[in-house]
C-alpha atoms as a PDB file:
ATOM      1  CA  MET A   1      82.149  26.354  42.909  1.00  0.00           C
ATOM      2  CA  THR A   2      79.309  25.959  44.865  1.00  0.00           C
ATOM      3  CA  GLU A   3      76.010  27.578  44.386  1.00  0.00           C
ATOM      4  CA  ALA A   4      76.587  29.917  47.808  1.00  0.00           C
ATOM      5  CA  GLY A   5      80.240  30.998  46.255  1.00  0.00           C
ATOM      6  CA  ARG A   6      78.387  32.044  42.787  1.00  0.00           C
ATOM      7  CA  ALA A   7      75.693  33.727  44.350  1.00  0.00           C
ATOM      8  CA  ALA A   8      78.585  35.753  46.540  1.00  0.00           C
ATOM      9  CA  GLU A   9      80.465  36.888  43.936  1.00  0.00           C
ATOM     10  CA  PRO A  10      78.322  40.049  42.312  1.00  0.00           C
ATOM     11  CA  ASP A  11      78.468  41.151  46.064  1.00  0.00           C
ATOM     12  CA  ARG A  12      82.438  40.988  46.027  1.00  0.00           C
ATOM     13  CA  ASP A  13      82.100  42.925  42.646  1.00  0.00           C
ATOM     14  CA  ARG A  14      80.257  45.509  43.997  1.00  0.00           C
ATOM     15  CA  ALA A  15      82.375  46.095  47.088  1.00  0.00           C
ATOM     16  CA  ASP A  16      85.343  46.228  45.183  1.00  0.00           C
ATOM     17  CA  VAL A  17      84.093  48.864  42.652  1.00  0.00           C
ATOM     18  CA  ASP A  18      82.413  50.825  45.515  1.00  0.00           C
ATOM     19  CA  ALA A  19      85.366  50.385  47.838  1.00  0.00           C
ATOM     20  CA  VAL A  20      87.719  51.201  45.200  1.00  0.00           C
ATOM     21  CA  LEU A  21      85.782  54.698  44.138  1.00  0.00           C
ATOM     22  CA  ASP A  22      85.051  55.444  47.823  1.00  0.00           C
ATOM     23  CA  ALA A  23      88.755  55.401  48.590  1.00  0.00           C
ATOM     24  CA  ALA A  24      89.283  57.478  45.750  1.00  0.00           C
ATOM     25  CA  ARG A  25      86.933  60.096  46.781  1.00  0.00           C
ATOM     26  CA  ARG A  26      88.468  60.169  50.441  1.00  0.00           C
ATOM     27  CA  ARG A  27      91.800  61.001  48.856  1.00  0.00           C
ATOM     28  CA  LEU A  28      90.208  63.593  46.670  1.00  0.00           C
ATOM     29  CA  ALA A  29      88.244  65.133  49.451  1.00  0.00           C
ATOM     30  CA  GLY A  30      89.444  68.831  49.644  1.00  0.00           C
ATOM     31  CA  SER A  31      90.774  69.070  46.175  1.00  0.00           C
ATOM     32  CA  PRO A  32      89.565  71.162  43.382  1.00  0.00           C
ATOM     33  CA  ARG A  33      86.875  69.902  41.178  1.00  0.00           C
ATOM     34  CA  GLU A  34      86.103  70.729  37.700  1.00  0.00           C
ATOM     35  CA  ARG A  35      82.815  71.779  36.600  1.00  0.00           C
ATOM     36  CA  LEU A  36      80.768  69.257  33.949  1.00  0.00           C
ATOM     37  CA  GLY A  37      79.066  70.979  31.030  1.00  0.00           C
ATOM     38  CA  ASP A  38      76.028  70.757  28.732  1.00  0.00           C
ATOM     39  CA  TRP A  39      74.578  72.497  25.663  1.00  0.00           C
ATOM     40  CA  ALA A  40      71.276  74.483  27.384  1.00  0.00           C
ATOM     41  CA  GLN A  41      68.224  75.010  25.400  1.00  0.00           C
ATOM     42  CA  THR A  42      68.045  78.131  23.239  1.00  0.00           C
ATOM     43  CA  ARG A  43      65.192  79.860  23.687  1.00  0.00           C
ATOM     44  CA  ARG A  44      63.870  83.056  21.352  1.00  0.00           C
ATOM     45  CA  LEU A  45      63.375  86.259  22.706  1.00  0.00           C
ATOM     46  CA  LEU A  46      61.360  88.567  20.794  1.00  0.00           C
ATOM     47  CA  GLY A  47      61.806  86.383  17.868  1.00  0.00           C
ATOM     48  CA  PHE A  48      65.787  86.327  17.780  1.00  0.00           C
ATOM     49  CA  GLY A  49      67.373  83.595  18.865  1.00  0.00           C
ATOM     50  CA  ARG A  50      70.207  83.298  21.430  1.00  0.00           C
ATOM     51  CA  ALA A  51      73.743  82.554  20.884  1.00  0.00           C
ATOM     52  CA  PRO A  52      74.519  78.977  21.784  1.00  0.00           C
ATOM     53  CA  ARG A  53      75.385  78.487  25.677  1.00  0.00           C
ATOM     54  CA  ILE A  54      77.001  75.618  27.599  1.00  0.00           C
ATOM     55  CA  VAL A  55      75.933  75.884  31.017  1.00  0.00           C
ATOM     56  CA  PRO A  56      77.071  74.278  34.174  1.00  0.00           C
ATOM     57  CA  VAL A  57      75.319  71.093  35.478  1.00  0.00           C
ATOM     58  CA  GLY A  58      77.532  69.580  37.663  1.00  0.00           C
ATOM     59  CA  GLU A  59      81.238  69.188  39.129  1.00  0.00           C
ATOM     60  CA  ALA A  60      83.897  66.216  39.451  1.00  0.00           C
ATOM     61  CA  TRP A  61      87.462  65.427  40.190  1.00  0.00           C
ATOM     62  CA  HIS A  62      89.140  64.966  37.244  1.00  0.00           C
ATOM     63  CA  VAL A  63      91.188  61.434  36.961  1.00  0.00           C
ATOM     64  CA  GLY A  64      92.511  60.201  34.113  1.00  0.00           C
ATOM     65  CA  VAL A  65      89.626  58.876  31.739  1.00  0.00           C
ATOM     66  CA  LEU A  66      87.193  59.370  34.528  1.00  0.00           C
ATOM     67  CA  LEU A  67      85.199  62.250  36.237  1.00  0.00           C
ATOM     68  CA  ILE A  68      84.381  61.128  39.646  1.00  0.00           C
ATOM     69  CA  ALA A  69      81.465  62.924  41.321  1.00  0.00           C
ATOM     70  CA  ASP A  70      79.990  62.590  45.072  1.00  0.00           C
ATOM     71  CA  ALA A  71      78.056  59.524  43.911  1.00  0.00           C
ATOM     72  CA  ASP A  72      78.362  59.139  39.887  1.00  0.00           C
ATOM     73  CA  VAL A  73      81.344  58.529  37.733  1.00  0.00           C
ATOM     74  CA  TYR A  74      81.656  59.453  34.429  1.00  0.00           C
ATOM     75  CA  ALA A  75      84.067  58.754  30.951  1.00  0.00           C
ATOM     76  CA  THR A  76      85.807  62.098  30.195  1.00  0.00           C
ATOM     77  CA  GLY A  77      84.685  63.894  27.212  1.00  0.00           C
ATOM     78  CA  GLU A  78      85.825  66.730  25.373  1.00  0.00           C
ATOM     79  CA  VAL A  79      87.853  69.166  27.848  1.00  0.00           C
ATOM     80  CA  LEU A  80      88.027  72.695  26.987  1.00  0.00           C
ATOM     81  CA  ARG A  81      88.869  76.206  28.665  1.00  0.00           C
ATOM     82  CA  ALA A  82      86.049  78.786  28.460  1.00  0.00           C
ATOM     83  CA  ARG A  83      86.973  81.854  26.571  1.00  0.00           C
ATOM     84  CA  THR A  84      85.239  84.917  25.278  1.00  0.00           C
ATOM     85  CA  ALA A  85      84.334  84.796  22.180  1.00  0.00           C
ATOM     86  CA  ALA A  86      86.698  87.441  19.916  1.00  0.00           C
ATOM     87  CA  PRO A  87      87.076  87.592  16.304  1.00  0.00           C
ATOM     88  CA  ARG A  88      90.277  85.304  15.523  1.00  0.00           C
ATOM     89  CA  GLY A  89      91.785  83.903  12.489  1.00  0.00           C
ATOM     90  CA  TYR A  90      91.905  79.820  11.924  1.00  0.00           C
ATOM     91  CA  THR A  91      94.167  77.432   9.580  1.00  0.00           C
ATOM     92  CA  ALA A  92      91.748  74.749  10.180  1.00  0.00           C
ATOM     93  CA  GLU A  93      87.457  74.857  10.442  1.00  0.00           C
ATOM     94  CA  ALA A  94      88.096  72.306  14.071  1.00  0.00           C
ATOM     95  CA  GLN A  95      89.903  75.553  15.677  1.00  0.00           C
ATOM     96  CA  ARG A  96      87.166  77.447  14.712  1.00  0.00           C
ATOM     97  CA  GLU A  97      84.359  75.086  16.230  1.00  0.00           C
ATOM     98  CA  ARG A  98      86.258  74.357  19.098  1.00  0.00           C
ATOM     99  CA  SER A  99      86.823  78.059  19.740  1.00  0.00           C
ATOM    100  CA  GLU A 100      83.125  78.750  19.293  1.00  0.00           C
ATOM    101  CA  ARG A 101      82.589  75.600  22.050  1.00  0.00           C
ATOM    102  CA  ALA A 102      84.862  77.524  24.339  1.00  0.00           C
ATOM    103  CA  GLY A 103      82.915  81.267  23.927  1.00  0.00           C
ATOM    104  CA  ALA A 104      79.673  78.908  24.702  1.00  0.00           C
ATOM    105  CA  ALA A 105      80.883  78.086  27.954  1.00  0.00           C
ATOM    106  CA  ALA A 106      81.959  81.555  28.536  1.00  0.00           C
ATOM    107  CA  ARG A 107      78.606  82.870  27.485  1.00  0.00           C
ATOM    108  CA  GLY A 108      77.122  80.074  29.861  1.00  0.00           C
ATOM    109  CA  GLY A 109      78.723  81.315  32.876  1.00  0.00           C
ATOM    110  CA  PHE A 110      81.692  79.566  33.038  1.00  0.00           C
ATOM    111  CA  ALA A 111      85.032  81.853  34.013  1.00  0.00           C
ATOM    112  CA  ASP A 112      87.582  83.097  31.211  1.00  0.00           C
ATOM    113  CA  GLY A 113      90.240  80.131  31.286  1.00  0.00           C
ATOM    114  CA  GLU A 114      88.099  77.588  33.449  1.00  0.00           C
ATOM    115  CA  VAL A 115      88.417  73.824  32.476  1.00  0.00           C
ATOM    116  CA  VAL A 116      85.082  72.785  31.260  1.00  0.00           C
ATOM    117  CA  HIS A 117      84.010  69.141  30.898  1.00  0.00           C
ATOM    118  CA  LEU A 118      81.732  68.683  27.540  1.00  0.00           C
ATOM    119  CA  GLY A 119      80.324  65.352  26.497  1.00  0.00           C
ATOM    120  CA  ALA A 120      80.496  63.440  29.660  1.00  0.00           C
ATOM    121  CA  VAL A 121      79.454  59.920  29.559  1.00  0.00           C
ATOM    122  CA  PRO A 122      77.409  58.639  32.733  1.00  0.00           C
ATOM    123  CA  ILE A 123      79.116  55.219  33.908  1.00  0.00           C
ATOM    124  CA  ASP A 124      76.406  53.002  34.604  1.00  0.00           C
ATOM    125  CA  LEU A 125      78.102  51.419  37.908  1.00  0.00           C
ATOM    126  CA  ASP A 126      75.067  48.872  38.422  1.00  0.00           C
ATOM    127  CA  ALA A 127      76.395  47.434  35.202  1.00  0.00           C
ATOM    128  CA  VAL A 128      80.122  47.039  36.638  1.00  0.00           C
ATOM    129  CA  ARG A 129      78.569  45.539  39.343  1.00  0.00           C
ATOM    130  CA  ARG A 130      76.518  43.062  37.763  1.00  0.00           C
ATOM    131  CA  GLY A 131      80.115  42.285  35.671  1.00  0.00           C
ATOM    132  CA  GLU A 132      79.621  44.547  32.280  1.00  0.00           C
ATOM    133  CA  ALA A 133      81.170  46.714  30.843  1.00  0.00           C
ATOM    134  CA  SER A 134      80.453  50.569  30.916  1.00  0.00           C
ATOM    135  CA  GLY A 135      82.345  52.925  29.356  1.00  0.00           C
ATOM    136  CA  PRO A 136      85.872  52.465  30.313  1.00  0.00           C
ATOM    137  CA  LEU A 137      84.944  50.375  33.229  1.00  0.00           C
ATOM    138  CA  SER A 138      84.676  46.732  33.441  1.00  0.00           C
ATOM    139  CA  VAL A 139      85.083  43.408  35.677  1.00  0.00           C
ATOM    140  CA  VAL A 140      87.654  40.996  34.716  1.00  0.00           C
ATOM    141  CA  GLU A 141      87.709  37.974  37.010  1.00  0.00           C
ATOM    142  CA  GLY A 142      86.030  39.889  39.852  1.00  0.00           C
ATOM    143  CA  VAL A 143      88.678  42.626  39.584  1.00  0.00           C
ATOM    144  CA  PRO A 144      87.488  46.024  38.444  1.00  0.00           C
ATOM    145  CA  HIS A 145      89.291  47.580  35.981  1.00  0.00           C
ATOM    146  CA  VAL A 146      89.411  50.342  33.450  1.00  0.00           C
ATOM    147  CA  ARG A 147      90.491  51.003  29.703  1.00  0.00           C
ATOM    148  CA  TRP A 148      92.771  54.035  29.655  1.00  0.00           C
ATOM    149  CA  SER A 149      93.248  54.103  26.109  1.00  0.00           C
ATOM    150  CA  ALA A 150      91.407  52.713  22.983  1.00  0.00           C
ATOM    151  CA  SER A 151      94.733  50.639  22.185  1.00  0.00           C
ATOM    152  CA  GLY A 152      96.026  49.820  25.755  1.00  0.00           C
ATOM    153  CA  ALA A 153      94.869  46.720  27.793  1.00  0.00           C
ATOM    154  CA  PRO A 154      92.630  47.055  30.845  1.00  0.00           C
ATOM    155  CA  ARG A 155      94.275  48.056  34.519  1.00  0.00           C
ATOM    156  CA  THR A 156      92.905  47.292  37.400  1.00  0.00           C
ATOM    157  CA  LEU A 157      91.050  49.936  38.922  1.00  0.00           C
ATOM    158  CA  ALA A 158      92.865  50.184  42.164  1.00  0.00           C
ATOM    159  CA  ASP A 159      96.509  50.422  40.336  1.00  0.00           C
ATOM    160  CA  TYR A 160      95.402  52.771  37.886  1.00  0.00           C
ATOM    161  CA  LEU A 161      93.345  55.351  40.493  1.00  0.00           C
ATOM    162  CA  ASP A 162      96.715  55.008  42.582  1.00  0.00           C
ATOM    163  CA  GLU A 163      98.677  56.119  40.196  1.00  0.00           C
ATOM    164  CA  GLN A 164      96.408  59.215  38.831  1.00  0.00           C
ATOM    165  CA  LEU A 165      96.469  60.501  42.295  1.00  0.00           C
ATOM    166  CA  GLN A 166     100.296  60.321  43.261  1.00  0.00           C
ATOM    167  CA  LEU A 167     100.206  62.568  39.956  1.00  0.00           C
ATOM    168  CA  ARG A 168      98.234  64.907  41.809  1.00  0.00           C
END
């Protein structure tokens, strides 16, 4: 391969990942987004601490293992539904903790029953454009790929997004 050919590859990779994501955004335009949440810093009021809250920090389209925003892309973290806290009996501590996070989202301004994405991890698109992996995205032989499960083989990003968008 010539020097000029090698120099052009990163541009092709960048165009591919950006083109695939831009095409997905165009297909998603007009469809509902889901909000991203993060823990709010608790402040003390008259010496008393406030109950923990999860507050809105953005919104994105949920497409499988990805959250696609206008300019950014995130790896999906925990998905929960906001729910007003109420005394409930639980058989497992994990259920209690999940319910507490749902209550924290309701206290932070999410509507009862609204989907909340907590712990979404930003994907470094510049790294992916350079051919490096970031979160579930990578470039294999110049083609953007996504690892959709821990044990599954990577799929081309274009095919994965096309399949996910057909399911909507």
